[in-house]
Amino acid sequence: MMTLFTKCLFEFIGTLVLILLGDGVVASSCLDKSKGKGAGWVVITMGWGFAVMCGVFIAGPYSGAHLNPAVSLGLAIAGHFDWALVLPYTIAQLLGGFAGALLVYFFYKDHFDATDDADTKLGVFCTMPAIDNSWRNFFCEFVGTWLLVFVIVLFSHSENTPEIGMGSMGAFPVTMLIMSIGMSLGGATGYAINPARDLAPRLAHCLLPIRGKRDSGWKYSWVPVAGPLLGAAFAALTHILILS
């Protein structure tokens, strides 16, 4: 039986890899003088899907590969996850997201320095809306995370892994799910659908000595936290209502 430390360690590592590859594909596609510059939204959504796949491969057998506080919360509300583990998992995920963002910065430091546009630099770390309409943006994050967690909760009835989470779906189905959400629903907000994916890298952007950076968008930062958490809760309640 896995210890709590082991589960949290793999949540940390899995989320770190998720952000390293996810924010990494944004950096590669958007920062100046990168060989990947201009790759576009399809490459970014595919990169995020494969980033989640790698995180699931790493953490799935050990922690269930939640990699997302909203997933942990939704599964707990649905009765598929121990409430006592929600806070430790969330802390591990946030720390992993922060560490992954630091690695992206140091990996692409020369390209951050070569990029003049401060919004582009911020966009490597966290999401900002295409059109600033906070309540609509909140709704978009709510719906995207509702879909993510609803599908994961439905898959959690299977016994594919020792622990329940995104790993219960298997790495390839969850990859397709993340890519589908990004391609179909990501254009409005950049589809954070994960507080650890957005809040922790946003904090890294705030603290890092990035040349020519702007503010870290804290006025908007509640949206990719509250939207996913409430969307996950509603997904769990939808599941309970349908199957009760």
C-alpha atoms as a PDB file:
ATOM      1  CA  MET A   1       0.000   0.000   0.000  1.00  0.00           C
ATOM      2  CA  MET A   2       1.341   3.421  -1.003  1.00  0.00           C
ATOM      3  CA  THR A   3       2.192   5.862   1.776  1.00  0.00           C
ATOM      4  CA  LEU A   4       0.821   9.391   1.730  1.00  0.00           C
ATOM      5  CA  PHE A   5       4.331  10.711   1.132  1.00  0.00           C
ATOM      6  CA  THR A   6       4.752   8.478  -1.939  1.00  0.00           C
ATOM      7  CA  LYS A   7       1.399   9.533  -3.352  1.00  0.00           C
ATOM      8  CA  CYS A   8       2.166  13.221  -2.830  1.00  0.00           C
ATOM      9  CA  LEU A   9       5.668  12.811  -4.227  1.00  0.00           C
ATOM     10  CA  PHE A  10       4.287  11.408  -7.471  1.00  0.00           C
ATOM     11  CA  GLU A  11       1.597  14.114  -7.610  1.00  0.00           C
ATOM     12  CA  PHE A  12       4.452  16.624  -7.299  1.00  0.00           C
ATOM     13  CA  ILE A  13       6.575  14.963  -9.999  1.00  0.00           C
ATOM     14  CA  GLY A  14       3.634  14.372 -12.326  1.00  0.00           C
ATOM     15  CA  THR A  15       2.464  17.983 -12.057  1.00  0.00           C
ATOM     16  CA  LEU A  16       6.017  19.250 -12.480  1.00  0.00           C
ATOM     17  CA  VAL A  17       6.335  17.331 -15.756  1.00  0.00           C
ATOM     18  CA  LEU A  18       2.870  18.482 -16.823  1.00  0.00           C
ATOM     19  CA  ILE A  19       3.875  22.137 -16.429  1.00  0.00           C
ATOM     20  CA  LEU A  20       7.400  21.655 -17.792  1.00  0.00           C
ATOM     21  CA  LEU A  21       6.012  20.261 -21.043  1.00  0.00           C
ATOM     22  CA  GLY A  22       2.782  22.286 -21.120  1.00  0.00           C
ATOM     23  CA  ASP A  23       4.270  25.701 -20.433  1.00  0.00           C
ATOM     24  CA  GLY A  24       7.249  24.520 -22.459  1.00  0.00           C
ATOM     25  CA  VAL A  25       5.210  24.104 -25.637  1.00  0.00           C
ATOM     26  CA  VAL A  26       3.795  27.616 -25.141  1.00  0.00           C
ATOM     27  CA  ALA A  27       7.319  28.995 -24.709  1.00  0.00           C
ATOM     28  CA  SER A  28       8.546  27.139 -27.773  1.00  0.00           C
ATOM     29  CA  SER A  29       5.622  28.361 -29.879  1.00  0.00           C
ATOM     30  CA  CYS A  30       5.528  31.981 -28.727  1.00  0.00           C
ATOM     31  CA  LEU A  31       8.914  33.286 -27.561  1.00  0.00           C
ATOM     32  CA  ASP A  32      11.141  35.118 -30.021  1.00  0.00           C
ATOM     33  CA  LYS A  33      14.037  33.291 -31.683  1.00  0.00           C
ATOM     34  CA  SER A  34      12.594  29.906 -30.719  1.00  0.00           C
ATOM     35  CA  LYS A  35      12.730  27.351 -33.525  1.00  0.00           C
ATOM     36  CA  GLY A  36       9.093  26.556 -32.725  1.00  0.00           C
ATOM     37  CA  LYS A  37       7.825  30.146 -32.879  1.00  0.00           C
ATOM     38  CA  GLY A  38       4.551  30.465 -34.736  1.00  0.00           C
ATOM     39  CA  ALA A  39       3.620  26.796 -34.404  1.00  0.00           C
ATOM     40  CA  GLY A  40       0.096  27.806 -33.442  1.00  0.00           C
ATOM     41  CA  TRP A  41      -2.844  26.711 -31.327  1.00  0.00           C
ATOM     42  CA  VAL A  42      -3.056  23.137 -32.649  1.00  0.00           C
ATOM     43  CA  VAL A  43       0.533  22.424 -31.617  1.00  0.00           C
ATOM     44  CA  ILE A  44      -0.057  24.039 -28.224  1.00  0.00           C
ATOM     45  CA  THR A  45      -3.182  21.982 -27.518  1.00  0.00           C
ATOM     46  CA  MET A  46      -1.449  18.813 -28.667  1.00  0.00           C
ATOM     47  CA  GLY A  47       1.549  19.674 -26.515  1.00  0.00           C
ATOM     48  CA  TRP A  48      -0.670  20.108 -23.470  1.00  0.00           C
ATOM     49  CA  GLY A  49      -2.389  16.813 -24.201  1.00  0.00           C
ATOM     50  CA  PHE A  50       0.926  14.983 -24.398  1.00  0.00           C
ATOM     51  CA  ALA A  51       2.101  16.822 -21.259  1.00  0.00           C
ATOM     52  CA  VAL A  52      -0.861  15.406 -19.358  1.00  0.00           C
ATOM     53  CA  MET A  53      -0.138  11.979 -20.863  1.00  0.00           C
ATOM     54  CA  CYS A  54       3.396  12.038 -19.485  1.00  0.00           C
ATOM     55  CA  GLY A  55       2.173  13.144 -16.074  1.00  0.00           C
ATOM     56  CA  VAL A  56      -0.361  10.316 -16.043  1.00  0.00           C
ATOM     57  CA  PHE A  57       2.265   7.751 -17.020  1.00  0.00           C
ATOM     58  CA  ILE A  58       4.437   8.934 -14.132  1.00  0.00           C
ATOM     59  CA  ALA A  59       1.870   9.316 -11.359  1.00  0.00           C
ATOM     60  CA  GLY A  60      -0.989   7.036 -12.393  1.00  0.00           C
ATOM     61  CA  PRO A  61       0.148   3.793 -10.721  1.00  0.00           C
ATOM     62  CA  TYR A  62       1.096   5.567  -7.481  1.00  0.00           C
ATOM     63  CA  SER A  63      -1.348   8.404  -6.816  1.00  0.00           C
ATOM     64  CA  GLY A  64      -4.013   8.077  -9.498  1.00  0.00           C
ATOM     65  CA  ALA A  65      -2.521  11.068 -11.334  1.00  0.00           C
ATOM     66  CA  HIS A  66      -4.923  13.798 -10.285  1.00  0.00           C
ATOM     67  CA  LEU A  67      -2.350  16.521 -11.127  1.00  0.00           C
ATOM     68  CA  ASN A  68      -5.120  19.052 -10.534  1.00  0.00           C
ATOM     69  CA  PRO A  69      -6.798  20.276  -7.321  1.00  0.00           C
ATOM     70  CA  ALA A  70     -10.124  20.424  -9.158  1.00  0.00           C
ATOM     71  CA  VAL A  71      -9.880  16.710  -9.971  1.00  0.00           C
ATOM     72  CA  SER A  72      -9.073  15.872  -6.351  1.00  0.00           C
ATOM     73  CA  LEU A  73     -11.998  17.980  -5.132  1.00  0.00           C
ATOM     74  CA  GLY A  74     -14.443  16.561  -7.668  1.00  0.00           C
ATOM     75  CA  LEU A  75     -13.520  12.968  -6.901  1.00  0.00           C
ATOM     76  CA  ALA A  76     -13.861  13.602  -3.164  1.00  0.00           C
ATOM     77  CA  ILE A  77     -17.345  15.103  -3.590  1.00  0.00           C
ATOM     78  CA  ALA A  78     -18.317  12.161  -5.790  1.00  0.00           C
ATOM     79  CA  GLY A  79     -17.209   9.764  -3.056  1.00  0.00           C
ATOM     80  CA  HIS A  80     -14.302   8.285  -5.020  1.00  0.00           C
ATOM     81  CA  PHE A  81     -11.471   9.903  -3.052  1.00  0.00           C
ATOM     82  CA  ASP A  82     -10.637  10.339   0.615  1.00  0.00           C
ATOM     83  CA  TRP A  83     -11.321  13.891   1.800  1.00  0.00           C
ATOM     84  CA  ALA A  84      -8.284  13.683   4.086  1.00  0.00           C
ATOM     85  CA  LEU A  85      -6.043  13.492   1.012  1.00  0.00           C
ATOM     86  CA  VAL A  86      -7.434  16.519  -0.839  1.00  0.00           C
ATOM     87  CA  LEU A  87      -5.276  19.113   0.932  1.00  0.00           C
ATOM     88  CA  PRO A  88      -1.991  17.124   0.779  1.00  0.00           C
ATOM     89  CA  TYR A  89      -2.578  16.377  -2.907  1.00  0.00           C
ATOM     90  CA  THR A  90      -3.368  20.042  -3.608  1.00  0.00           C
ATOM     91  CA  ILE A  91      -0.197  21.223  -1.883  1.00  0.00           C
ATOM     92  CA  ALA A  92       1.901  18.700  -3.825  1.00  0.00           C
ATOM     93  CA  GLN A  93       0.265  19.761  -7.105  1.00  0.00           C
ATOM     94  CA  LEU A  94       0.843  23.459  -6.456  1.00  0.00           C
ATOM     95  CA  LEU A  95       4.483  22.864  -5.531  1.00  0.00           C
ATOM     96  CA  GLY A  96       4.944  20.743  -8.653  1.00  0.00           C
ATOM     97  CA  GLY A  97       3.371  23.440 -10.817  1.00  0.00           C
ATOM     98  CA  PHE A  98       5.663  26.073  -9.327  1.00  0.00           C
ATOM     99  CA  ALA A  99       8.777  23.925  -9.831  1.00  0.00           C
ATOM    100  CA  GLY A 100       7.791  23.100 -13.409  1.00  0.00           C
ATOM    101  CA  ALA A 101       7.353  26.795 -14.209  1.00  0.00           C
ATOM    102  CA  LEU A 102      10.794  27.572 -12.783  1.00  0.00           C
ATOM    103  CA  LEU A 103      12.332  24.927 -15.044  1.00  0.00           C
ATOM    104  CA  VAL A 104      10.605  26.387 -18.107  1.00  0.00           C
ATOM    105  CA  TYR A 105      11.966  29.826 -17.286  1.00  0.00           C
ATOM    106  CA  PHE A 106      15.563  28.677 -16.880  1.00  0.00           C
ATOM    107  CA  PHE A 107      15.302  26.438 -19.952  1.00  0.00           C
ATOM    108  CA  TYR A 108      14.070  29.323 -22.130  1.00  0.00           C
ATOM    109  CA  LYS A 109      15.852  32.170 -20.303  1.00  0.00           C
ATOM    110  CA  ASP A 110      17.654  33.397 -23.430  1.00  0.00           C
ATOM    111  CA  HIS A 111      14.368  33.470 -25.329  1.00  0.00           C
ATOM    112  CA  PHE A 112      12.570  35.320 -22.547  1.00  0.00           C
ATOM    113  CA  ASP A 113      15.367  37.897 -22.728  1.00  0.00           C
ATOM    114  CA  ALA A 114      15.016  38.100 -26.518  1.00  0.00           C
ATOM    115  CA  THR A 115      11.239  38.657 -26.347  1.00  0.00           C
ATOM    116  CA  ASP A 116       9.994  42.223 -25.936  1.00  0.00           C
ATOM    117  CA  ASP A 117       6.262  41.582 -25.565  1.00  0.00           C
ATOM    118  CA  ALA A 118       5.425  41.326 -21.852  1.00  0.00           C
ATOM    119  CA  ASP A 119       2.020  39.719 -22.493  1.00  0.00           C
ATOM    120  CA  THR A 120       3.697  36.890 -24.383  1.00  0.00           C
ATOM    121  CA  LYS A 121       6.032  36.261 -21.460  1.00  0.00           C
ATOM    122  CA  LEU A 122       3.123  36.125 -19.023  1.00  0.00           C
ATOM    123  CA  GLY A 123       1.221  33.814 -21.365  1.00  0.00           C
ATOM    124  CA  VAL A 124       3.957  31.215 -21.108  1.00  0.00           C
ATOM    125  CA  PHE A 125       3.250  30.868 -17.396  1.00  0.00           C
ATOM    126  CA  CYS A 126      -0.495  31.243 -17.027  1.00  0.00           C
ATOM    127  CA  THR A 127      -3.730  31.980 -18.822  1.00  0.00           C
ATOM    128  CA  MET A 128      -5.272  35.323 -19.696  1.00  0.00           C
ATOM    129  CA  PRO A 129      -8.559  35.779 -21.570  1.00  0.00           C
ATOM    130  CA  ALA A 130      -8.749  36.545 -25.266  1.00  0.00           C
ATOM    131  CA  ILE A 131     -11.595  38.967 -24.441  1.00  0.00           C
ATOM    132  CA  ASP A 132     -11.641  40.301 -20.894  1.00  0.00           C
ATOM    133  CA  ASN A 133     -15.124  39.523 -19.561  1.00  0.00           C
ATOM    134  CA  SER A 134     -14.586  38.062 -16.119  1.00  0.00           C
ATOM    135  CA  TRP A 135     -17.922  36.353 -15.614  1.00  0.00           C
ATOM    136  CA  ARG A 136     -17.973  34.932 -19.142  1.00  0.00           C
ATOM    137  CA  ASN A 137     -14.372  33.802 -18.657  1.00  0.00           C
ATOM    138  CA  PHE A 138     -15.437  32.202 -15.358  1.00  0.00           C
ATOM    139  CA  PHE A 139     -18.263  30.395 -17.168  1.00  0.00           C
ATOM    140  CA  CYS A 140     -15.821  29.089 -19.792  1.00  0.00           C
ATOM    141  CA  GLU A 141     -13.460  27.720 -17.145  1.00  0.00           C
ATOM    142  CA  PHE A 142     -16.428  26.283 -15.244  1.00  0.00           C
ATOM    143  CA  VAL A 143     -17.775  24.420 -18.289  1.00  0.00           C
ATOM    144  CA  GLY A 144     -14.375  23.153 -19.444  1.00  0.00           C
ATOM    145  CA  THR A 145     -13.554  21.753 -16.012  1.00  0.00           C
ATOM    146  CA  TRP A 146     -17.056  20.351 -15.586  1.00  0.00           C
ATOM    147  CA  LEU A 147     -16.496  18.308 -18.742  1.00  0.00           C
ATOM    148  CA  LEU A 148     -13.022  17.189 -17.678  1.00  0.00           C
ATOM    149  CA  VAL A 149     -14.051  16.055 -14.207  1.00  0.00           C
ATOM    150  CA  PHE A 150     -17.386  14.566 -15.280  1.00  0.00           C
ATOM    151  CA  VAL A 151     -15.627  12.274 -17.746  1.00  0.00           C
ATOM    152  CA  ILE A 152     -12.930  11.356 -15.190  1.00  0.00           C
ATOM    153  CA  VAL A 153     -15.541  10.542 -12.538  1.00  0.00           C
ATOM    154  CA  LEU A 154     -17.398   8.304 -14.978  1.00  0.00           C
ATOM    155  CA  PHE A 155     -14.174   6.476 -15.780  1.00  0.00           C
ATOM    156  CA  SER A 156     -13.397   6.123 -12.076  1.00  0.00           C
ATOM    157  CA  HIS A 157     -15.822   3.238 -11.819  1.00  0.00           C
ATOM    158  CA  SER A 158     -13.243   1.056 -13.569  1.00  0.00           C
ATOM    159  CA  GLU A 159     -10.266  -0.581 -11.850  1.00  0.00           C
ATOM    160  CA  ASN A 160      -7.587   0.427 -14.326  1.00  0.00           C
ATOM    161  CA  THR A 161      -5.172   1.699 -11.683  1.00  0.00           C
ATOM    162  CA  PRO A 162      -4.633   1.219  -7.943  1.00  0.00           C
ATOM    163  CA  GLU A 163      -5.786   4.800  -7.280  1.00  0.00           C
ATOM    164  CA  ILE A 164      -8.555   6.849  -8.851  1.00  0.00           C
ATOM    165  CA  GLY A 165      -7.793   9.945 -10.904  1.00  0.00           C
ATOM    166  CA  MET A 166      -6.915  10.799 -14.473  1.00  0.00           C
ATOM    167  CA  GLY A 167      -4.821   7.627 -14.398  1.00  0.00           C
ATOM    168  CA  SER A 168      -8.015   5.605 -14.136  1.00  0.00           C
ATOM    169  CA  MET A 169      -8.803   6.601 -17.720  1.00  0.00           C
ATOM    170  CA  GLY A 170      -5.466   5.465 -19.060  1.00  0.00           C
ATOM    171  CA  ALA A 171      -2.933   7.894 -20.501  1.00  0.00           C
ATOM    172  CA  PHE A 172      -4.191   7.937 -24.085  1.00  0.00           C
ATOM    173  CA  PRO A 173      -7.909   8.642 -23.461  1.00  0.00           C
ATOM    174  CA  VAL A 174      -7.080  11.497 -21.091  1.00  0.00           C
ATOM    175  CA  THR A 175      -4.675  12.888 -23.701  1.00  0.00           C
ATOM    176  CA  MET A 176      -7.483  12.979 -26.253  1.00  0.00           C
ATOM    177  CA  LEU A 177      -9.828  14.551 -23.698  1.00  0.00           C
ATOM    178  CA  ILE A 178      -7.400  17.385 -22.874  1.00  0.00           C
ATOM    179  CA  MET A 179      -6.700  18.005 -26.571  1.00  0.00           C
ATOM    180  CA  SER A 180     -10.427  18.030 -27.375  1.00  0.00           C
ATOM    181  CA  ILE A 181     -11.213  20.512 -24.604  1.00  0.00           C
ATOM    182  CA  GLY A 182      -8.349  22.722 -25.749  1.00  0.00           C
ATOM    183  CA  MET A 183      -9.248  22.675 -29.431  1.00  0.00           C
ATOM    184  CA  SER A 184     -12.995  23.126 -28.868  1.00  0.00           C
ATOM    185  CA  LEU A 185     -13.269  25.203 -25.698  1.00  0.00           C
ATOM    186  CA  GLY A 186      -9.825  26.724 -25.179  1.00  0.00           C
ATOM    187  CA  GLY A 187     -10.022  29.772 -27.430  1.00  0.00           C
ATOM    188  CA  ALA A 188     -11.749  32.048 -24.931  1.00  0.00           C
ATOM    189  CA  THR A 189      -9.494  31.715 -21.877  1.00  0.00           C
ATOM    190  CA  GLY A 190      -6.632  29.407 -22.811  1.00  0.00           C
ATOM    191  CA  TYR A 191      -8.374  26.631 -20.816  1.00  0.00           C
ATOM    192  CA  ALA A 192      -6.566  26.509 -17.497  1.00  0.00           C
ATOM    193  CA  ILE A 193      -9.100  23.959 -16.106  1.00  0.00           C
ATOM    194  CA  ASN A 194      -6.566  23.394 -13.328  1.00  0.00           C
ATOM    195  CA  PRO A 195      -5.653  25.771 -10.468  1.00  0.00           C
ATOM    196  CA  ALA A 196      -2.203  24.180 -10.120  1.00  0.00           C
ATOM    197  CA  ARG A 197      -1.558  24.776 -13.817  1.00  0.00           C
ATOM    198  CA  ASP A 198      -2.404  28.474 -13.504  1.00  0.00           C
ATOM    199  CA  LEU A 199      -1.923  29.784  -9.968  1.00  0.00           C
ATOM    200  CA  ALA A 200       1.472  28.212  -9.236  1.00  0.00           C
ATOM    201  CA  PRO A 201       3.133  29.308 -12.525  1.00  0.00           C
ATOM    202  CA  ARG A 202       1.535  32.747 -12.123  1.00  0.00           C
ATOM    203  CA  LEU A 203       3.256  33.021  -8.751  1.00  0.00           C
ATOM    204  CA  ALA A 204       6.519  31.922 -10.388  1.00  0.00           C
ATOM    205  CA  HIS A 205       6.105  34.711 -12.969  1.00  0.00           C
ATOM    206  CA  CYS A 206       5.558  37.176 -10.132  1.00  0.00           C
ATOM    207  CA  LEU A 207       8.683  36.138  -8.235  1.00  0.00           C
ATOM    208  CA  LEU A 208      11.134  35.490 -11.069  1.00  0.00           C
ATOM    209  CA  PRO A 209      13.453  38.305 -12.275  1.00  0.00           C
ATOM    210  CA  ILE A 210      12.082  38.214 -15.824  1.00  0.00           C
ATOM    211  CA  ARG A 211      13.455  41.029 -17.945  1.00  0.00           C
ATOM    212  CA  GLY A 212      10.765  43.454 -19.099  1.00  0.00           C
ATOM    213  CA  LYS A 213       7.866  41.608 -17.526  1.00  0.00           C
ATOM    214  CA  ARG A 214       4.427  43.052 -16.813  1.00  0.00           C
ATOM    215  CA  ASP A 215       2.253  42.524 -13.744  1.00  0.00           C
ATOM    216  CA  SER A 216       1.162  38.918 -13.215  1.00  0.00           C
ATOM    217  CA  GLY A 217      -2.535  39.462 -13.928  1.00  0.00           C
ATOM    218  CA  TRP A 218      -3.704  39.012 -10.353  1.00  0.00           C
ATOM    219  CA  LYS A 219      -6.979  40.819 -11.064  1.00  0.00           C
ATOM    220  CA  TYR A 220      -7.922  37.925 -13.364  1.00  0.00           C
ATOM    221  CA  SER A 221      -6.277  35.164 -11.324  1.00  0.00           C
ATOM    222  CA  TRP A 222      -9.435  34.223  -9.401  1.00  0.00           C
ATOM    223  CA  VAL A 223     -11.102  33.018 -12.621  1.00  0.00           C
ATOM    224  CA  PRO A 224      -8.822  30.009 -13.398  1.00  0.00           C
ATOM    225  CA  VAL A 225      -9.031  29.004  -9.729  1.00  0.00           C
ATOM    226  CA  ALA A 226     -12.707  29.475  -8.864  1.00  0.00           C
ATOM    227  CA  GLY A 227     -14.007  28.364 -12.265  1.00  0.00           C
ATOM    228  CA  PRO A 228     -12.263  24.972 -12.215  1.00  0.00           C
ATOM    229  CA  LEU A 229     -13.022  24.277  -8.536  1.00  0.00           C
ATOM    230  CA  LEU A 230     -16.722  25.061  -8.876  1.00  0.00           C
ATOM    231  CA  GLY A 231     -16.906  23.290 -12.239  1.00  0.00           C
ATOM    232  CA  ALA A 232     -15.395  20.182 -10.670  1.00  0.00           C
ATOM    233  CA  ALA A 233     -17.835  20.335  -7.759  1.00  0.00           C
ATOM    234  CA  PHE A 234     -20.769  20.633 -10.157  1.00  0.00           C
ATOM    235  CA  ALA A 235     -19.443  17.711 -12.215  1.00  0.00           C
ATOM    236  CA  ALA A 236     -19.409  15.545  -9.098  1.00  0.00           C
ATOM    237  CA  LEU A 237     -22.917  16.637  -8.142  1.00  0.00           C
ATOM    238  CA  THR A 238     -24.108  15.942 -11.687  1.00  0.00           C
ATOM    239  CA  HIS A 239     -22.646  12.451 -11.416  1.00  0.00           C
ATOM    240  CA  ILE A 240     -24.362  11.861  -8.070  1.00  0.00           C
ATOM    241  CA  LEU A 241     -27.691  13.135  -9.411  1.00  0.00           C
ATOM    242  CA  ILE A 242     -27.585  10.957 -12.512  1.00  0.00           C
ATOM    243  CA  LEU A 243     -26.484   7.738 -10.800  1.00  0.00           C
ATOM    244  CA  SER A 244     -28.251   8.065  -7.451  1.00  0.00           C
END
